[in-house]
Amino acid sequence: METRFGAAVTGQVPDEQMLSHRMTAAIGGDAAAYRTLLRDCVPLIAGIARSQGVGRDLMDDAIQETLLTLHRARATYDPARPFLPWLRAIARHRAVDVLRRQGRARSREVHDQAAYEVQQDPAPPASEMIARRQEGHVLRGMIDQLPAGQRQAVEHLGLAERSLEETARLTGRSKGALKVNFHRALAALRRRSGSGPDV
């Protein structure tokens, strides 16, 4: 399947180390590495979007929104961490956003009752939704326990997905201080959730 991005959405997954290297180079200002990285991410994003239930008709939207978010959040990437989990998290969130928007648009359309009856419910089971909500409350509680600077960095850069420049402008804090606080906050949250090394 081809996308308007001019790249096939099937193929081999690029090497994690190469992607991480290109992202680090891109953050350092290497435009060629950045273009190559974005091109290599397209099939990965498409696969993630498909796994979230995004169909062909919405694939370009999911890819574009993921690439835009990656661009806005690129300054928050920590080269010491793997690139693919970071990309997967962004792509999953953008795929869900695209599907939600489609759902809102469809709610204003007239539906074919026969087609509706055979349509599979795209919503996750109620138990999964409850578990996600509980995880969200737990995460919010852990964020609230962070020191003020770390909490502010997570809320702006992580939750609101603001750029480093915008966050610095809104908070009056330097980009360097925000990056340090953001990475310290992530490390603290990983330790508290038991998903990271206790260092």
Protein backbone atom coordinates (compact mmCIF):
# COMPACT_ATOMS: atom_id res chain seq x y z
CA MET A 1 0.00 0.00 0.00
CA GLU A 2 1.31 3.45 -0.94
CA THR A 3 0.71 6.64 1.01
CA ARG A 4 0.82 10.24 -0.14
CA PHE A 5 4.16 10.39 1.67
CA GLY A 6 5.65 8.47 -1.25
CA ALA A 7 6.77 5.51 0.81
CA ALA A 8 5.42 2.00 1.00
CA VAL A 9 3.94 1.10 4.34
CA THR A 10 5.25 -2.42 4.22
CA GLY A 11 8.82 -3.61 4.50
CA GLN A 12 11.53 -4.34 7.00
CA VAL A 13 11.71 -2.48 10.28
CA PRO A 14 14.73 -0.15 10.29
CA ASP A 15 17.46 -0.91 12.82
CA GLU A 16 16.80 0.57 16.30
CA GLN A 17 20.37 1.78 16.64
CA MET A 18 20.28 3.49 13.23
CA LEU A 19 16.99 5.22 14.02
CA SER A 20 18.33 6.42 17.36
CA HIS A 21 21.53 7.64 15.69
CA ARG A 22 19.56 9.54 13.03
CA MET A 23 17.27 11.10 15.64
CA THR A 24 20.27 12.26 17.67
CA ALA A 25 21.86 13.70 14.52
CA ALA A 26 18.58 15.41 13.60
CA ILE A 27 18.35 17.04 17.03
CA GLY A 28 21.89 18.28 16.41
CA GLY A 29 20.76 19.98 13.19
CA ASP A 30 21.49 17.33 10.52
CA ALA A 31 18.63 17.94 8.05
CA ALA A 32 19.54 14.98 5.81
CA ALA A 33 19.48 12.58 8.77
CA TYR A 34 16.11 14.02 9.80
CA ARG A 35 14.59 13.53 6.33
CA THR A 36 15.87 9.95 6.25
CA LEU A 37 14.55 9.29 9.74
CA LEU A 38 11.07 10.56 8.85
CA ARG A 39 11.05 8.45 5.67
CA ASP A 40 12.10 5.35 7.63
CA CYS A 41 9.41 5.98 10.25
CA VAL A 42 6.51 5.93 7.76
CA PRO A 43 6.20 2.11 7.49
CA LEU A 44 6.61 1.76 11.26
CA ILE A 45 3.89 4.32 11.92
CA ALA A 46 1.59 2.67 9.39
CA GLY A 47 2.02 -0.71 11.09
CA ILE A 48 1.28 0.75 14.50
CA ALA A 49 -1.76 2.60 13.15
CA ARG A 50 -3.06 -0.60 11.53
CA SER A 51 -2.67 -2.44 14.84
CA GLN A 52 -4.85 0.25 16.45
CA GLY A 53 -7.59 -0.31 13.85
CA VAL A 54 -6.82 2.55 11.44
CA GLY A 55 -8.01 1.64 7.94
CA ARG A 56 -6.64 2.64 4.53
CA ASP A 57 -8.95 5.67 4.35
CA LEU A 58 -7.39 7.21 7.47
CA MET A 59 -3.82 5.94 7.18
CA ASP A 60 -2.40 9.15 5.70
CA ASP A 61 -3.97 11.18 8.52
CA ALA A 62 -2.48 8.91 11.17
CA ILE A 63 0.97 9.04 9.57
CA GLN A 64 0.90 12.80 9.11
CA GLU A 65 -0.24 13.50 12.66
CA THR A 66 2.41 11.16 14.09
CA LEU A 67 5.16 12.83 12.04
CA LEU A 68 3.97 16.28 13.15
CA THR A 69 3.97 15.20 16.80
CA LEU A 70 7.41 13.65 16.40
CA HIS A 71 8.61 16.96 14.93
CA ARG A 72 7.10 19.03 17.76
CA ALA A 73 8.38 16.67 20.48
CA ARG A 74 11.80 15.90 18.98
CA ALA A 75 13.64 18.04 21.55
CA THR A 76 12.29 15.83 24.33
CA TYR A 77 13.82 12.66 22.89
CA ASP A 78 16.46 11.23 25.22
CA PRO A 79 19.27 9.65 23.13
CA ALA A 80 20.06 7.36 26.07
CA ARG A 81 16.64 5.69 25.64
CA PRO A 82 15.52 3.44 22.73
CA PHE A 83 13.86 5.30 19.86
CA LEU A 84 11.22 2.74 18.84
CA PRO A 85 9.22 2.67 22.10
CA TRP A 86 9.14 6.49 22.01
CA LEU A 87 7.88 6.46 18.42
CA ARG A 88 5.34 3.69 19.15
CA ALA A 89 3.84 5.68 22.03
CA ILE A 90 3.39 8.74 19.82
CA ALA A 91 1.97 6.72 16.92
CA ARG A 92 -0.54 4.88 19.14
CA HIS A 93 -1.84 8.14 20.60
CA ARG A 94 -2.19 9.77 17.19
CA ALA A 95 -3.96 6.70 15.76
CA VAL A 96 -6.47 6.82 18.61
CA ASP A 97 -7.01 10.55 17.97
CA VAL A 98 -7.69 9.91 14.28
CA LEU A 99 -10.17 7.15 15.11
CA ARG A 100 -11.94 9.34 17.68
CA ARG A 101 -12.34 12.14 15.15
CA GLN A 102 -13.70 9.67 12.62
CA GLY A 103 -16.16 8.42 15.24
CA ARG A 104 -17.39 11.95 15.93
CA ALA A 105 -17.83 12.60 12.20
CA ARG A 106 -19.71 9.34 11.73
CA SER A 107 -22.03 10.17 14.62
CA ARG A 108 -23.36 13.04 12.46
CA GLU A 109 -23.89 10.81 9.41
CA VAL A 110 -26.87 8.65 8.49
CA HIS A 111 -25.96 4.99 8.97
CA ASP A 112 -26.97 1.90 7.03
CA GLN A 113 -28.63 -0.26 9.71
CA ALA A 114 -27.64 -3.58 8.09
CA ALA A 115 -24.00 -2.50 7.86
CA TYR A 116 -24.13 -1.19 11.41
CA GLU A 117 -25.34 -4.53 12.77
CA VAL A 118 -22.40 -6.45 11.29
CA GLN A 119 -19.81 -3.79 12.20
CA GLN A 120 -17.40 -4.89 14.90
CA ASP A 121 -17.32 -2.63 17.97
CA PRO A 122 -14.02 -0.68 17.76
CA ALA A 123 -14.16 0.28 21.44
CA PRO A 124 -12.05 -1.72 23.86
CA PRO A 125 -13.88 -3.91 26.39
CA ALA A 126 -15.25 -2.12 29.44
CA SER A 127 -12.74 -3.88 31.71
CA GLU A 128 -9.87 -2.53 29.61
CA MET A 129 -11.31 0.99 29.71
CA ILE A 130 -11.64 0.79 33.51
CA ALA A 131 -8.07 -0.49 33.82
CA ARG A 132 -6.80 2.37 31.63
CA ARG A 133 -8.72 4.91 33.70
CA GLN A 134 -7.27 3.47 36.92
CA GLU A 135 -3.76 3.54 35.44
CA GLY A 136 -4.37 7.17 34.50
CA HIS A 137 -5.33 8.03 38.08
CA VAL A 138 -2.26 6.25 39.42
CA LEU A 139 -0.01 8.07 36.95
CA ARG A 140 -1.61 11.42 37.79
CA GLY A 141 -0.97 10.73 41.48
CA MET A 142 2.69 9.92 40.79
CA ILE A 143 3.06 13.10 38.71
CA ASP A 144 1.51 15.17 41.51
CA GLN A 145 4.20 13.85 43.88
CA LEU A 146 7.07 15.07 41.68
CA PRO A 147 9.01 18.21 42.62
CA ALA A 148 7.42 21.35 41.14
CA GLY A 149 9.94 21.77 38.29
CA GLN A 150 9.68 18.15 37.19
CA ARG A 151 5.89 18.17 37.46
CA GLN A 152 5.70 21.33 35.34
CA ALA A 153 7.98 19.84 32.67
CA VAL A 154 5.91 16.62 32.47
CA GLU A 155 2.61 18.49 32.31
CA HIS A 156 3.73 20.79 29.49
CA LEU A 157 6.07 18.58 27.45
CA GLY A 158 4.54 15.15 28.09
CA LEU A 159 0.84 15.57 28.78
CA ALA A 160 0.07 18.74 26.79
CA GLU A 161 2.67 17.80 24.11
CA ARG A 162 3.93 21.35 23.87
CA SER A 163 7.25 22.09 22.21
CA LEU A 164 10.29 22.94 24.27
CA GLU A 165 10.23 26.50 22.91
CA GLU A 166 6.56 27.03 23.78
CA THR A 167 7.02 25.56 27.26
CA ALA A 168 10.03 27.78 27.93
CA ARG A 169 8.01 30.81 26.86
CA LEU A 170 4.99 29.86 28.99
CA THR A 171 6.95 28.96 32.12
CA GLY A 172 9.81 31.44 31.90
CA ARG A 173 12.29 28.58 32.37
CA SER A 174 15.26 27.75 30.15
CA LYS A 175 15.00 24.92 27.63
CA GLY A 176 17.98 23.22 29.27
CA ALA A 177 16.32 23.26 32.69
CA LEU A 178 13.08 21.94 31.22
CA LYS A 179 14.86 19.06 29.45
CA VAL A 180 16.75 18.10 32.62
CA ASN A 181 13.58 18.21 34.72
CA PHE A 182 11.62 16.26 32.12
CA HIS A 183 14.17 13.43 31.94
CA ARG A 184 14.53 13.32 35.74
CA ALA A 185 10.76 13.15 36.05
CA LEU A 186 10.56 10.27 33.56
CA ALA A 187 13.26 8.41 35.46
CA ALA A 188 11.43 8.97 38.76
CA LEU A 189 8.11 7.82 37.27
CA ARG A 190 9.74 4.69 35.86
CA ARG A 191 11.23 3.85 39.25
CA ARG A 192 7.93 4.41 41.04
CA SER A 193 6.01 2.31 38.55
CA GLY A 194 8.60 -0.47 38.73
CA SER A 195 9.33 -0.28 34.98
CA GLY A 196 12.80 1.16 35.22
CA PRO A 197 16.09 0.60 37.03
CA ASP A 198 16.19 1.78 40.62
CA VAL A 199 19.18 4.10 40.39
